[in-house]
Amino acid sequence: MTGRHRTIVAALVLLAMLAFVLLAAFATHACPAPTATNPCPQAGMNRAIVIVLAALAVTLTITPFAFLAEFVVRRRIAYRGGWARAARRGVLAGAVVAALAGLRLGGALTVPVAIFVLLLATLVEWFAARRLDVA
């Protein structure tokens, strides 16, 4: 792995840690729902921000580790498109987190729906690997 790859991986890991810190800081200070003693007019906005921050944190966490996993599986050789595949897998993981959180907030999350979302993400990755990956 070249120095450039190490720098990118380190930067993404640090950004992921920053995203988790921002998520924790925002979630501890934002009101999630209005109560009898504390009206919260922007509760919906706060929930949306938490979902976006969680999806971003998962995306930034998965991407460098997906690249490192591919790097190890391919016997220490970084092929062309490795970062694109890692980014695609990270974005897919973030989308799954956002979808599951949105379904949970909407009251529509059940075990079969969660399994469907996971299977859909797996199918998207499988088709993308078949159609888009060169190496």
Protein backbone atom coordinates (compact mmCIF):
# COMPACT_ATOMS: atom_id res chain seq x y z
CA MET A 1 0.00 0.00 0.00
CA THR A 2 1.38 3.36 -0.99
CA GLY A 3 1.70 6.37 1.23
CA ARG A 4 -1.21 8.01 -0.56
CA HIS A 5 -3.48 5.08 0.31
CA ARG A 6 -2.40 5.22 3.95
CA THR A 7 -3.11 8.94 4.06
CA ILE A 8 -6.58 8.49 2.59
CA VAL A 9 -7.41 5.64 4.98
CA ALA A 10 -6.19 7.64 7.98
CA ALA A 11 -8.14 10.72 6.88
CA LEU A 12 -11.36 8.72 6.41
CA VAL A 13 -10.97 7.05 9.81
CA LEU A 14 -10.43 10.44 11.46
CA LEU A 15 -13.46 11.88 9.63
CA ALA A 16 -15.53 8.89 10.80
CA MET A 17 -14.46 9.48 14.38
CA LEU A 18 -15.36 13.17 14.02
CA ALA A 19 -18.77 12.23 12.60
CA PHE A 20 -19.44 9.92 15.57
CA VAL A 21 -18.41 12.66 18.01
CA LEU A 22 -20.70 15.15 16.24
CA LEU A 23 -23.51 12.59 16.29
CA ALA A 24 -23.09 11.97 20.00
CA ALA A 25 -22.83 15.67 20.81
CA PHE A 26 -25.90 16.58 18.77
CA ALA A 27 -27.98 13.64 19.99
CA THR A 28 -27.30 14.40 23.66
CA HIS A 29 -28.32 18.06 23.35
CA ALA A 30 -31.21 17.88 20.88
CA CYS A 31 -34.72 17.12 22.02
CA PRO A 32 -36.05 13.97 20.31
CA ALA A 33 -39.75 14.55 20.96
CA PRO A 34 -42.00 17.10 22.66
CA THR A 35 -43.08 16.31 26.21
CA ALA A 36 -45.65 17.87 28.51
CA THR A 37 -43.02 20.01 30.22
CA ASN A 38 -40.74 20.68 27.25
CA PRO A 39 -42.28 21.54 23.88
CA CYS A 40 -39.93 20.82 21.02
CA PRO A 41 -41.05 22.36 17.71
CA GLN A 42 -38.04 21.07 15.75
CA ALA A 43 -38.14 17.44 16.94
CA GLY A 44 -38.61 16.14 13.39
CA MET A 45 -35.62 18.14 12.16
CA ASN A 46 -33.51 16.84 15.05
CA ARG A 47 -34.38 13.26 14.19
CA ALA A 48 -33.54 13.82 10.53
CA ILE A 49 -30.18 15.35 11.45
CA VAL A 50 -29.37 12.38 13.70
CA ILE A 51 -30.24 9.95 10.90
CA VAL A 52 -28.09 11.84 8.39
CA LEU A 53 -25.16 12.01 10.83
CA ALA A 54 -25.48 8.30 11.61
CA ALA A 55 -25.54 7.39 7.92
CA LEU A 56 -22.54 9.64 7.26
CA ALA A 57 -20.62 8.14 10.17
CA VAL A 58 -21.31 4.59 8.98
CA THR A 59 -20.33 5.50 5.41
CA LEU A 60 -17.06 7.06 6.55
CA THR A 61 -16.33 4.08 8.80
CA ILE A 62 -17.07 1.34 6.26
CA THR A 63 -15.24 2.89 3.29
CA PRO A 64 -11.61 2.65 4.51
CA PHE A 65 -12.13 -0.77 6.02
CA ALA A 66 -13.76 -2.05 2.83
CA PHE A 67 -10.67 -0.87 0.92
CA LEU A 68 -8.35 -2.52 3.45
CA ALA A 69 -10.35 -5.75 3.28
CA GLU A 70 -10.09 -5.78 -0.50
CA PHE A 71 -6.39 -5.01 -0.22
CA VAL A 72 -5.88 -8.03 2.05
CA VAL A 73 -8.09 -10.36 -0.02
CA ARG A 74 -6.24 -9.48 -3.21
CA ARG A 75 -2.90 -10.35 -1.62
CA ARG A 76 -1.56 -6.90 -0.90
CA ILE A 77 -2.22 -5.44 -4.35
CA ALA A 78 -4.45 -2.40 -4.83
CA TYR A 79 -6.15 -2.78 -8.19
CA ARG A 80 -7.75 -0.01 -10.19
CA GLY A 81 -11.22 0.76 -8.91
CA GLY A 82 -10.53 -0.36 -5.34
CA TRP A 83 -11.53 2.98 -3.86
CA ALA A 84 -14.64 3.15 -6.02
CA ARG A 85 -15.76 -0.28 -4.81
CA ALA A 86 -15.01 0.67 -1.20
CA ALA A 87 -16.92 3.95 -1.54
CA ARG A 88 -19.86 2.15 -3.14
CA ARG A 89 -19.98 -0.34 -0.25
CA GLY A 90 -19.72 2.45 2.30
CA VAL A 91 -22.53 4.43 0.69
CA LEU A 92 -24.65 1.29 0.52
CA ALA A 93 -24.11 0.64 4.24
CA GLY A 94 -25.01 4.25 5.03
CA ALA A 95 -28.15 3.97 2.90
CA VAL A 96 -29.17 0.81 4.78
CA VAL A 97 -28.73 2.61 8.11
CA ALA A 98 -30.75 5.59 6.88
CA ALA A 99 -33.50 3.36 5.47
CA LEU A 100 -33.80 1.30 8.64
CA ALA A 101 -33.82 4.42 10.82
CA GLY A 102 -36.43 6.09 8.62
CA LEU A 103 -38.60 3.01 8.70
CA ARG A 104 -38.23 2.86 12.48
CA LEU A 105 -39.28 6.49 12.86
CA GLY A 106 -42.24 5.92 10.58
CA GLY A 107 -43.33 2.90 12.60
CA ALA A 108 -43.00 0.58 9.61
CA LEU A 109 -39.93 -1.38 10.68
CA THR A 110 -40.57 -5.07 11.18
CA VAL A 111 -38.24 -8.04 10.93
CA PRO A 112 -39.39 -8.99 7.40
CA VAL A 113 -38.97 -5.39 6.21
CA ALA A 114 -35.47 -5.20 7.75
CA ILE A 115 -34.51 -8.48 6.07
CA PHE A 116 -35.88 -7.13 2.78
CA VAL A 117 -33.77 -3.95 3.08
CA LEU A 118 -30.64 -6.01 3.78
CA LEU A 119 -31.35 -8.37 0.90
CA LEU A 120 -32.00 -5.43 -1.41
CA ALA A 121 -28.65 -3.88 -0.48
CA THR A 122 -26.94 -7.23 -1.05
CA LEU A 123 -28.56 -7.54 -4.47
CA VAL A 124 -27.54 -4.01 -5.43
CA GLU A 125 -23.93 -4.78 -4.46
CA TRP A 126 -24.01 -8.11 -6.33
CA PHE A 127 -25.32 -6.51 -9.53
CA ALA A 128 -22.89 -3.61 -9.21
CA ALA A 129 -19.99 -6.04 -8.77
CA ARG A 130 -21.08 -7.94 -11.87
CA ARG A 131 -21.65 -4.88 -14.07
CA LEU A 132 -19.30 -2.17 -12.86
CA ASP A 133 -16.15 -3.85 -11.57
CA VAL A 134 -13.31 -4.35 -14.03
CA ALA A 135 -10.79 -6.16 -11.87
